[in-house]
Amino acid sequence: MTSPEYQIAHLMNGTVDKTKMYADMDQSKAYAEGRPRYTDDMFKVIVDYCIETNRKLDLVVDVGCGPGMSTIGFAKYFQKCIGVDVSETQIACAPKDIPNCEFKVGYLHQLPFIKTGSVDLFCSGESFHLMQQKDQTQRTLICRTFAEADRVLKPGGTLAIFGYDWLIVENPEVNSIIYGILQYYPKESTQIVDKFRTLELPYPGWIRNDELKMSVKTNADKHGDFLNSLWAARAYKNDHPDEDLVENAKRQITEVLEKQGNGMEFTVNWNLFILMGHKPM
């Protein structure tokens, strides 16, 4: 059976400039408003793994945090949470009313404001595949990010990479409408679909968890908010300024659901994945 990443990888774009992704405020607001929220079960799995080697949870650093969706999920477990993202507009969209959460503009592999050996959890959710600067390859930056994680982590601290794969709409006709935007995805998104199966964490005995799922009951308008959060939708608009990809998708979805006559809601599913490793004591 062909795995999902190979079913859609040929549709994705290998020339997307990831340094320009989520740079404008409208796109970042759409991300903050339209993306699904991680489940409580996912945060608990990561925290339970953390306390296997370190029961005092003082500090989590969430790199590539976007508007802080994963950062705030750790707030009830850690004394302090710091979210870091290269996008100023993403950081501007992060919540400002959670006392133990702080958000900073910065790079995954350069955290001069984090003290050496001070972090209990270094994590990245749904963004690790997008790290790239014009003068450095992804492989180089992954190595540098792992080195920075090792610097800031306490002995026994946890490194975690997590996210969700390509969405599956339970209604096949609705699901087929979404695939038209795949050619505007960066090629690296196949790593998300493949749940980072080729990524090796730098610590011995690291593990992965592929057992959790995330589901959302939605409708055409709400799903349009999600589509607007995708870089692919913005890239499509840049290439086709006279077309509205999201409005067209919403219209098609509405027409399909009205024709089917089973109500105007549908369910979207994602498979979650978590890679976790302990820094040696």
C-alpha atoms as a PDB file:
ATOM      1  CA  MET A   1       0.000   0.000   0.000  1.00  0.00           C
ATOM      2  CA  THR A   2       1.410   3.398  -0.986  1.00  0.00           C
ATOM      3  CA  SER A   3       2.069   5.616   2.024  1.00  0.00           C
ATOM      4  CA  PRO A   4       0.326   9.041   2.146  1.00  0.00           C
ATOM      5  CA  GLU A   5       3.429  11.142   1.603  1.00  0.00           C
ATOM      6  CA  TYR A   6       4.122   9.469  -1.738  1.00  0.00           C
ATOM      7  CA  GLN A   7       0.493   9.858  -2.803  1.00  0.00           C
ATOM      8  CA  ILE A   8       0.716  13.650  -2.513  1.00  0.00           C
ATOM      9  CA  ALA A   9       4.453  14.480  -2.563  1.00  0.00           C
ATOM     10  CA  HIS A  10       4.533  14.835  -6.343  1.00  0.00           C
ATOM     11  CA  LEU A  11       1.942  17.604  -6.062  1.00  0.00           C
ATOM     12  CA  MET A  12       4.011  19.762  -3.737  1.00  0.00           C
ATOM     13  CA  ASN A  13       6.289  22.637  -4.677  1.00  0.00           C
ATOM     14  CA  GLY A  14      10.070  22.469  -4.274  1.00  0.00           C
ATOM     15  CA  THR A  15      10.747  26.179  -4.763  1.00  0.00           C
ATOM     16  CA  VAL A  16       8.721  27.836  -1.965  1.00  0.00           C
ATOM     17  CA  ASP A  17      10.725  30.538  -0.164  1.00  0.00           C
ATOM     18  CA  LYS A  18      10.081  29.591   3.454  1.00  0.00           C
ATOM     19  CA  THR A  19      11.701  32.772   4.736  1.00  0.00           C
ATOM     20  CA  LYS A  20       8.613  34.652   3.526  1.00  0.00           C
ATOM     21  CA  MET A  21       6.012  32.373   5.072  1.00  0.00           C
ATOM     22  CA  TYR A  22       3.610  33.924   7.593  1.00  0.00           C
ATOM     23  CA  ALA A  23       5.290  37.318   7.327  1.00  0.00           C
ATOM     24  CA  ASP A  24       2.135  39.424   6.968  1.00  0.00           C
ATOM     25  CA  MET A  25      -0.416  40.054   9.700  1.00  0.00           C
ATOM     26  CA  ASP A  26      -3.474  38.784   7.834  1.00  0.00           C
ATOM     27  CA  GLN A  27      -1.886  35.376   7.317  1.00  0.00           C
ATOM     28  CA  SER A  28      -0.744  35.165  10.936  1.00  0.00           C
ATOM     29  CA  LYS A  29      -4.193  36.142  12.217  1.00  0.00           C
ATOM     30  CA  ALA A  30      -5.712  33.452  10.017  1.00  0.00           C
ATOM     31  CA  TYR A  31      -3.273  30.932  11.499  1.00  0.00           C
ATOM     32  CA  ALA A  32      -4.168  31.932  15.057  1.00  0.00           C
ATOM     33  CA  GLU A  33      -7.894  31.745  14.367  1.00  0.00           C
ATOM     34  CA  GLY A  34      -8.158  28.830  11.968  1.00  0.00           C
ATOM     35  CA  ARG A  35      -5.763  26.100  13.091  1.00  0.00           C
ATOM     36  CA  PRO A  36      -6.959  23.153  15.205  1.00  0.00           C
ATOM     37  CA  ARG A  37      -5.972  23.008  18.874  1.00  0.00           C
ATOM     38  CA  TYR A  38      -3.828  20.158  20.147  1.00  0.00           C
ATOM     39  CA  THR A  39      -5.533  17.707  22.465  1.00  0.00           C
ATOM     40  CA  ASP A  40      -4.968  17.619  26.221  1.00  0.00           C
ATOM     41  CA  ASP A  41      -3.878  13.998  25.795  1.00  0.00           C
ATOM     42  CA  MET A  42      -0.947  15.063  23.633  1.00  0.00           C
ATOM     43  CA  PHE A  43       0.370  17.531  26.204  1.00  0.00           C
ATOM     44  CA  LYS A  44      -0.026  14.945  28.964  1.00  0.00           C
ATOM     45  CA  VAL A  45       1.949  12.323  26.992  1.00  0.00           C
ATOM     46  CA  ILE A  46       4.840  14.768  26.603  1.00  0.00           C
ATOM     47  CA  VAL A  47       4.722  15.928  30.230  1.00  0.00           C
ATOM     48  CA  ASP A  48       4.578  12.343  31.531  1.00  0.00           C
ATOM     49  CA  TYR A  49       7.693  11.596  29.487  1.00  0.00           C
ATOM     50  CA  CYS A  50       9.419  14.682  30.902  1.00  0.00           C
ATOM     51  CA  ILE A  51       8.852  13.658  34.511  1.00  0.00           C
ATOM     52  CA  GLU A  52      10.399  10.236  33.947  1.00  0.00           C
ATOM     53  CA  THR A  53      13.786  11.926  34.390  1.00  0.00           C
ATOM     54  CA  ASN A  54      12.910  15.337  35.809  1.00  0.00           C
ATOM     55  CA  ARG A  55       9.939  15.881  38.101  1.00  0.00           C
ATOM     56  CA  LYS A  56      10.463  19.620  38.546  1.00  0.00           C
ATOM     57  CA  LEU A  57       9.086  21.360  35.480  1.00  0.00           C
ATOM     58  CA  ASP A  58      10.441  24.889  35.603  1.00  0.00           C
ATOM     59  CA  LEU A  59      10.837  25.935  31.967  1.00  0.00           C
ATOM     60  CA  VAL A  60       9.654  24.892  28.508  1.00  0.00           C
ATOM     61  CA  VAL A  61      10.972  26.539  25.351  1.00  0.00           C
ATOM     62  CA  ASP A  62       8.698  26.074  22.333  1.00  0.00           C
ATOM     63  CA  VAL A  63      10.532  26.968  19.117  1.00  0.00           C
ATOM     64  CA  GLY A  64       8.663  27.731  15.912  1.00  0.00           C
ATOM     65  CA  CYS A  65       5.702  28.435  18.176  1.00  0.00           C
ATOM     66  CA  GLY A  66       3.658  30.525  15.742  1.00  0.00           C
ATOM     67  CA  PRO A  67       0.895  32.305  17.692  1.00  0.00           C
ATOM     68  CA  GLY A  68       1.532  30.116  20.725  1.00  0.00           C
ATOM     69  CA  MET A  69      -1.022  27.318  20.371  1.00  0.00           C
ATOM     70  CA  SER A  70       1.343  24.656  21.658  1.00  0.00           C
ATOM     71  CA  THR A  71       3.097  26.994  24.110  1.00  0.00           C
ATOM     72  CA  ILE A  72      -0.066  27.742  26.072  1.00  0.00           C
ATOM     73  CA  GLY A  73      -0.941  24.044  26.220  1.00  0.00           C
ATOM     74  CA  PHE A  74       2.057  23.538  28.493  1.00  0.00           C
ATOM     75  CA  ALA A  75       1.186  26.502  30.749  1.00  0.00           C
ATOM     76  CA  LYS A  76      -0.634  24.449  33.377  1.00  0.00           C
ATOM     77  CA  TYR A  77       2.333  22.087  33.746  1.00  0.00           C
ATOM     78  CA  PHE A  78       5.387  24.387  33.715  1.00  0.00           C
ATOM     79  CA  GLN A  79       6.356  27.324  35.897  1.00  0.00           C
ATOM     80  CA  LYS A  80       7.354  29.312  32.806  1.00  0.00           C
ATOM     81  CA  CYS A  81       6.740  28.870  29.077  1.00  0.00           C
ATOM     82  CA  ILE A  82       8.698  30.720  26.388  1.00  0.00           C
ATOM     83  CA  GLY A  83       7.543  30.613  22.773  1.00  0.00           C
ATOM     84  CA  VAL A  84       9.978  31.596  20.016  1.00  0.00           C
ATOM     85  CA  ASP A  85       9.219  32.231  16.354  1.00  0.00           C
ATOM     86  CA  VAL A  86      11.038  33.972  13.507  1.00  0.00           C
ATOM     87  CA  SER A  87       7.820  35.704  12.394  1.00  0.00           C
ATOM     88  CA  GLU A  88       7.119  39.009  14.129  1.00  0.00           C
ATOM     89  CA  THR A  89       3.471  38.876  13.090  1.00  0.00           C
ATOM     90  CA  GLN A  90       3.017  35.376  14.504  1.00  0.00           C
ATOM     91  CA  ILE A  91       4.453  36.517  17.836  1.00  0.00           C
ATOM     92  CA  ALA A  92       2.184  39.583  17.733  1.00  0.00           C
ATOM     93  CA  CYS A  93      -0.807  37.231  17.487  1.00  0.00           C
ATOM     94  CA  ALA A  94       0.216  35.183  20.547  1.00  0.00           C
ATOM     95  CA  PRO A  95      -1.901  35.609  23.704  1.00  0.00           C
ATOM     96  CA  LYS A  96      -0.815  38.290  26.151  1.00  0.00           C
ATOM     97  CA  ASP A  97      -2.994  37.375  29.127  1.00  0.00           C
ATOM     98  CA  ILE A  98      -1.314  34.169  30.355  1.00  0.00           C
ATOM     99  CA  PRO A  99       1.004  35.159  33.224  1.00  0.00           C
ATOM    100  CA  ASN A 100       3.548  32.364  32.869  1.00  0.00           C
ATOM    101  CA  CYS A 101       3.821  32.558  29.057  1.00  0.00           C
ATOM    102  CA  GLU A 102       6.275  34.808  27.230  1.00  0.00           C
ATOM    103  CA  PHE A 103       6.813  35.120  23.485  1.00  0.00           C
ATOM    104  CA  LYS A 104       9.936  36.250  21.628  1.00  0.00           C
ATOM    105  CA  VAL A 105      11.035  36.736  18.042  1.00  0.00           C
ATOM    106  CA  GLY A 106      14.038  34.551  17.316  1.00  0.00           C
ATOM    107  CA  TYR A 107      15.537  31.565  15.519  1.00  0.00           C
ATOM    108  CA  LEU A 108      15.294  27.929  16.561  1.00  0.00           C
ATOM    109  CA  HIS A 109      19.053  27.511  16.520  1.00  0.00           C
ATOM    110  CA  GLN A 110      19.997  30.826  18.183  1.00  0.00           C
ATOM    111  CA  LEU A 111      18.583  31.401  21.671  1.00  0.00           C
ATOM    112  CA  PRO A 112      20.987  33.801  23.408  1.00  0.00           C
ATOM    113  CA  PHE A 113      18.285  34.799  25.894  1.00  0.00           C
ATOM    114  CA  ILE A 114      18.049  31.227  27.258  1.00  0.00           C
ATOM    115  CA  LYS A 115      20.622  30.232  29.863  1.00  0.00           C
ATOM    116  CA  THR A 116      22.693  27.102  29.390  1.00  0.00           C
ATOM    117  CA  GLY A 117      21.283  24.099  31.269  1.00  0.00           C
ATOM    118  CA  SER A 118      18.053  25.874  32.298  1.00  0.00           C
ATOM    119  CA  VAL A 119      15.362  24.171  30.183  1.00  0.00           C
ATOM    120  CA  ASP A 120      13.268  21.146  31.123  1.00  0.00           C
ATOM    121  CA  LEU A 121      11.535  20.755  27.745  1.00  0.00           C
ATOM    122  CA  PHE A 122      12.751  21.987  24.358  1.00  0.00           C
ATOM    123  CA  CYS A 123      10.012  21.385  21.790  1.00  0.00           C
ATOM    124  CA  SER A 124       8.751  22.253  18.326  1.00  0.00           C
ATOM    125  CA  GLY A 125       5.227  21.680  17.049  1.00  0.00           C
ATOM    126  CA  GLU A 126       4.184  21.553  13.378  1.00  0.00           C
ATOM    127  CA  SER A 127       7.060  23.776  12.264  1.00  0.00           C
ATOM    128  CA  PHE A 128      10.329  21.837  12.481  1.00  0.00           C
ATOM    129  CA  HIS A 129      10.259  21.034   8.740  1.00  0.00           C
ATOM    130  CA  LEU A 130      10.104  24.717   7.772  1.00  0.00           C
ATOM    131  CA  MET A 131      13.383  25.871   9.290  1.00  0.00           C
ATOM    132  CA  GLN A 132      15.538  27.353   6.579  1.00  0.00           C
ATOM    133  CA  GLN A 133      17.429  30.514   5.792  1.00  0.00           C
ATOM    134  CA  LYS A 134      18.608  31.458   2.341  1.00  0.00           C
ATOM    135  CA  ASP A 135      22.250  30.669   3.054  1.00  0.00           C
ATOM    136  CA  GLN A 136      21.799  27.406   4.969  1.00  0.00           C
ATOM    137  CA  THR A 137      20.298  24.023   4.196  1.00  0.00           C
ATOM    138  CA  GLN A 138      17.642  22.372   6.297  1.00  0.00           C
ATOM    139  CA  ARG A 139      20.074  19.629   7.348  1.00  0.00           C
ATOM    140  CA  THR A 140      22.583  22.204   8.626  1.00  0.00           C
ATOM    141  CA  LEU A 141      19.925  24.052  10.612  1.00  0.00           C
ATOM    142  CA  ILE A 142      18.556  20.857  12.136  1.00  0.00           C
ATOM    143  CA  CYS A 143      22.061  20.019  13.385  1.00  0.00           C
ATOM    144  CA  ARG A 144      22.487  23.542  14.768  1.00  0.00           C
ATOM    145  CA  THR A 145      19.051  23.438  16.404  1.00  0.00           C
ATOM    146  CA  PHE A 146      19.786  20.110  18.069  1.00  0.00           C
ATOM    147  CA  ALA A 147      23.075  21.562  19.312  1.00  0.00           C
ATOM    148  CA  GLU A 148      21.263  24.582  20.744  1.00  0.00           C
ATOM    149  CA  ALA A 149      18.678  22.308  22.357  1.00  0.00           C
ATOM    150  CA  ASP A 150      21.468  20.340  23.987  1.00  0.00           C
ATOM    151  CA  ARG A 151      23.052  23.545  25.268  1.00  0.00           C
ATOM    152  CA  VAL A 152      19.913  24.886  26.944  1.00  0.00           C
ATOM    153  CA  LEU A 153      18.503  21.597  28.241  1.00  0.00           C
ATOM    154  CA  LYS A 154      19.179  20.427  31.768  1.00  0.00           C
ATOM    155  CA  PRO A 155      20.633  16.934  32.162  1.00  0.00           C
ATOM    156  CA  GLY A 156      17.567  14.695  31.955  1.00  0.00           C
ATOM    157  CA  GLY A 157      15.649  17.368  30.057  1.00  0.00           C
ATOM    158  CA  THR A 158      13.411  16.424  27.137  1.00  0.00           C
ATOM    159  CA  LEU A 159      13.603  17.198  23.422  1.00  0.00           C
ATOM    160  CA  ALA A 160      10.226  16.769  21.674  1.00  0.00           C
ATOM    161  CA  ILE A 161       9.127  17.240  18.062  1.00  0.00           C
ATOM    162  CA  PHE A 162       5.396  16.896  17.446  1.00  0.00           C
ATOM    163  CA  GLY A 163       2.598  17.806  15.063  1.00  0.00           C
ATOM    164  CA  TYR A 164      -0.219  16.516  12.892  1.00  0.00           C
ATOM    165  CA  ASP A 165      -0.203  15.070   9.409  1.00  0.00           C
ATOM    166  CA  TRP A 166      -2.278  15.931   6.327  1.00  0.00           C
ATOM    167  CA  LEU A 167      -5.975  16.240   7.141  1.00  0.00           C
ATOM    168  CA  ILE A 168      -8.493  13.602   6.137  1.00  0.00           C
ATOM    169  CA  VAL A 169     -12.108  14.687   5.671  1.00  0.00           C
ATOM    170  CA  GLU A 170     -14.478  11.804   6.350  1.00  0.00           C
ATOM    171  CA  ASN A 171     -16.659  12.943   3.436  1.00  0.00           C
ATOM    172  CA  PRO A 172     -14.739  11.791   0.301  1.00  0.00           C
ATOM    173  CA  GLU A 173     -16.257  14.410  -2.013  1.00  0.00           C
ATOM    174  CA  VAL A 174     -15.329  17.215   0.351  1.00  0.00           C
ATOM    175  CA  ASN A 175     -11.892  15.686   0.857  1.00  0.00           C
ATOM    176  CA  SER A 176     -11.172  15.791  -2.884  1.00  0.00           C
ATOM    177  CA  ILE A 177     -11.839  19.542  -3.023  1.00  0.00           C
ATOM    178  CA  ILE A 178      -8.915  20.244  -0.686  1.00  0.00           C
ATOM    179  CA  TYR A 179      -6.278  18.523  -2.801  1.00  0.00           C
ATOM    180  CA  GLY A 180      -6.169  21.294  -5.385  1.00  0.00           C
ATOM    181  CA  ILE A 181      -3.980  23.469  -3.157  1.00  0.00           C
ATOM    182  CA  LEU A 182      -1.245  20.875  -2.611  1.00  0.00           C
ATOM    183  CA  GLN A 183       0.932  22.169  -5.447  1.00  0.00           C
ATOM    184  CA  TYR A 184       1.438  25.335  -3.399  1.00  0.00           C
ATOM    185  CA  TYR A 185       2.778  23.531  -0.349  1.00  0.00           C
ATOM    186  CA  PRO A 186       6.533  23.544   0.266  1.00  0.00           C
ATOM    187  CA  LYS A 187       8.054  20.181  -0.575  1.00  0.00           C
ATOM    188  CA  GLU A 188       9.251  19.830   3.028  1.00  0.00           C
ATOM    189  CA  SER A 189       5.626  19.381   4.111  1.00  0.00           C
ATOM    190  CA  THR A 190       5.960  15.761   3.033  1.00  0.00           C
ATOM    191  CA  GLN A 191       7.950  15.341   6.253  1.00  0.00           C
ATOM    192  CA  ILE A 192       4.832  16.272   8.224  1.00  0.00           C
ATOM    193  CA  VAL A 193       2.685  13.863   6.213  1.00  0.00           C
ATOM    194  CA  ASP A 194       5.293  11.183   6.862  1.00  0.00           C
ATOM    195  CA  LYS A 195       5.370  12.209  10.556  1.00  0.00           C
ATOM    196  CA  PHE A 196       9.156  12.741  10.452  1.00  0.00           C
ATOM    197  CA  ARG A 197       9.917   9.041  10.019  1.00  0.00           C
ATOM    198  CA  THR A 198      13.367   9.858   8.635  1.00  0.00           C
ATOM    199  CA  LEU A 199      14.295  12.214  11.488  1.00  0.00           C
ATOM    200  CA  GLU A 200      16.624  10.872  14.165  1.00  0.00           C
ATOM    201  CA  LEU A 201      16.735  12.624  17.534  1.00  0.00           C
ATOM    202  CA  PRO A 202      20.269  13.056  18.917  1.00  0.00           C
ATOM    203  CA  TYR A 203      19.675  11.208  22.224  1.00  0.00           C
ATOM    204  CA  PRO A 204      19.955   7.451  22.791  1.00  0.00           C
ATOM    205  CA  GLY A 205      16.742   5.576  23.489  1.00  0.00           C
ATOM    206  CA  TRP A 206      14.462   8.257  22.056  1.00  0.00           C
ATOM    207  CA  ILE A 207      10.920   7.153  21.279  1.00  0.00           C
ATOM    208  CA  ARG A 208       7.972   8.078  19.108  1.00  0.00           C
ATOM    209  CA  ASN A 209       4.217   8.004  19.709  1.00  0.00           C
ATOM    210  CA  ASP A 210       1.824   7.699  16.763  1.00  0.00           C
ATOM    211  CA  GLU A 211      -1.237   6.620  18.705  1.00  0.00           C
ATOM    212  CA  LEU A 212      -3.059   9.920  19.228  1.00  0.00           C
ATOM    213  CA  LYS A 213      -5.604  11.535  16.920  1.00  0.00           C
ATOM    214  CA  MET A 214      -7.331  14.880  16.644  1.00  0.00           C
ATOM    215  CA  SER A 215     -10.836  15.410  15.230  1.00  0.00           C
ATOM    216  CA  VAL A 216     -12.886  18.520  14.532  1.00  0.00           C
ATOM    217  CA  LYS A 217     -16.545  18.789  13.578  1.00  0.00           C
ATOM    218  CA  THR A 218     -16.793  21.714  11.183  1.00  0.00           C
ATOM    219  CA  ASN A 219     -18.686  23.327   8.297  1.00  0.00           C
ATOM    220  CA  ALA A 220     -17.753  25.138   5.102  1.00  0.00           C
ATOM    221  CA  ASP A 221     -17.249  28.540   6.755  1.00  0.00           C
ATOM    222  CA  LYS A 222     -15.138  27.219   9.634  1.00  0.00           C
ATOM    223  CA  HIS A 223     -13.127  25.042   7.296  1.00  0.00           C
ATOM    224  CA  GLY A 224     -12.541  28.132   5.195  1.00  0.00           C
ATOM    225  CA  ASP A 225     -10.861  29.684   8.240  1.00  0.00           C
ATOM    226  CA  PHE A 226      -8.551  26.678   8.380  1.00  0.00           C
ATOM    227  CA  LEU A 227      -7.755  26.901   4.665  1.00  0.00           C
ATOM    228  CA  ASN A 228      -6.956  30.592   5.055  1.00  0.00           C
ATOM    229  CA  SER A 229      -4.392  29.617   7.696  1.00  0.00           C
ATOM    230  CA  LEU A 230      -2.441  27.513   5.207  1.00  0.00           C
ATOM    231  CA  TRP A 231       0.559  28.975   3.450  1.00  0.00           C
ATOM    232  CA  ALA A 232      -0.622  27.193   0.310  1.00  0.00           C
ATOM    233  CA  ALA A 233      -3.737  29.365   0.162  1.00  0.00           C
ATOM    234  CA  ARG A 234      -1.669  32.536   0.376  1.00  0.00           C
ATOM    235  CA  ALA A 235       0.784  31.261  -2.248  1.00  0.00           C
ATOM    236  CA  TYR A 236      -2.122  30.462  -4.565  1.00  0.00           C
ATOM    237  CA  LYS A 237      -3.498  33.979  -4.110  1.00  0.00           C
ATOM    238  CA  ASN A 238      -0.101  35.455  -4.942  1.00  0.00           C
ATOM    239  CA  ASP A 239      -0.059  33.538  -8.241  1.00  0.00           C
ATOM    240  CA  HIS A 240      -3.778  34.059  -8.980  1.00  0.00           C
ATOM    241  CA  PRO A 241      -4.725  37.500  -7.608  1.00  0.00           C
ATOM    242  CA  ASP A 242      -8.092  37.467  -9.392  1.00  0.00           C
ATOM    243  CA  GLU A 243      -9.173  34.154  -7.865  1.00  0.00           C
ATOM    244  CA  ASP A 244     -10.272  33.364  -4.331  1.00  0.00           C
ATOM    245  CA  LEU A 245      -9.239  29.774  -3.661  1.00  0.00           C
ATOM    246  CA  VAL A 246     -10.818  29.600  -0.220  1.00  0.00           C
ATOM    247  CA  GLU A 247     -14.168  31.109  -1.234  1.00  0.00           C
ATOM    248  CA  ASN A 248     -14.294  28.750  -4.203  1.00  0.00           C
ATOM    249  CA  ALA A 249     -13.586  25.787  -1.921  1.00  0.00           C
ATOM    250  CA  LYS A 250     -16.283  26.899   0.526  1.00  0.00           C
ATOM    251  CA  ARG A 251     -18.782  27.220  -2.305  1.00  0.00           C
ATOM    252  CA  GLN A 252     -17.922  23.771  -3.661  1.00  0.00           C
ATOM    253  CA  ILE A 253     -18.140  22.208  -0.199  1.00  0.00           C
ATOM    254  CA  THR A 254     -21.533  23.820   0.399  1.00  0.00           C
ATOM    255  CA  GLU A 255     -22.822  22.569  -2.952  1.00  0.00           C
ATOM    256  CA  VAL A 256     -21.637  19.021  -2.210  1.00  0.00           C
ATOM    257  CA  LEU A 257     -23.195  18.961   1.250  1.00  0.00           C
ATOM    258  CA  GLU A 258     -26.504  20.405   0.012  1.00  0.00           C
ATOM    259  CA  LYS A 259     -26.634  17.801  -2.747  1.00  0.00           C
ATOM    260  CA  GLN A 260     -25.881  14.977  -0.309  1.00  0.00           C
ATOM    261  CA  GLY A 261     -28.640  16.178   2.015  1.00  0.00           C
ATOM    262  CA  ASN A 262     -27.071  14.885   5.234  1.00  0.00           C
ATOM    263  CA  GLY A 263     -26.513  18.196   6.978  1.00  0.00           C
ATOM    264  CA  MET A 264     -23.941  20.922   6.563  1.00  0.00           C
ATOM    265  CA  GLU A 265     -21.299  19.636   8.965  1.00  0.00           C
ATOM    266  CA  PHE A 266     -18.461  17.227   8.341  1.00  0.00           C
ATOM    267  CA  THR A 267     -15.595  15.751  10.364  1.00  0.00           C
ATOM    268  CA  VAL A 268     -11.909  16.416   9.784  1.00  0.00           C
ATOM    269  CA  ASN A 269      -9.308  14.060  11.274  1.00  0.00           C
ATOM    270  CA  TRP A 270      -5.572  14.357  11.814  1.00  0.00           C
ATOM    271  CA  ASN A 271      -3.060  11.802  13.085  1.00  0.00           C
ATOM    272  CA  LEU A 272      -0.761  13.232  15.750  1.00  0.00           C
ATOM    273  CA  PHE A 273       2.879  12.256  16.118  1.00  0.00           C
ATOM    274  CA  ILE A 274       5.426  12.881  18.884  1.00  0.00           C
ATOM    275  CA  LEU A 275       9.183  12.216  18.862  1.00  0.00           C
ATOM    276  CA  MET A 276      10.764  12.451  22.338  1.00  0.00           C
ATOM    277  CA  GLY A 277      14.219  11.949  23.794  1.00  0.00           C
ATOM    278  CA  HIS A 278      15.933  12.586  27.135  1.00  0.00           C
ATOM    279  CA  LYS A 279      19.230  14.403  27.319  1.00  0.00           C
ATOM    280  CA  PRO A 280      21.566  12.041  29.203  1.00  0.00           C
ATOM    281  CA  MET A 281      21.965  12.739  32.912  1.00  0.00           C
END
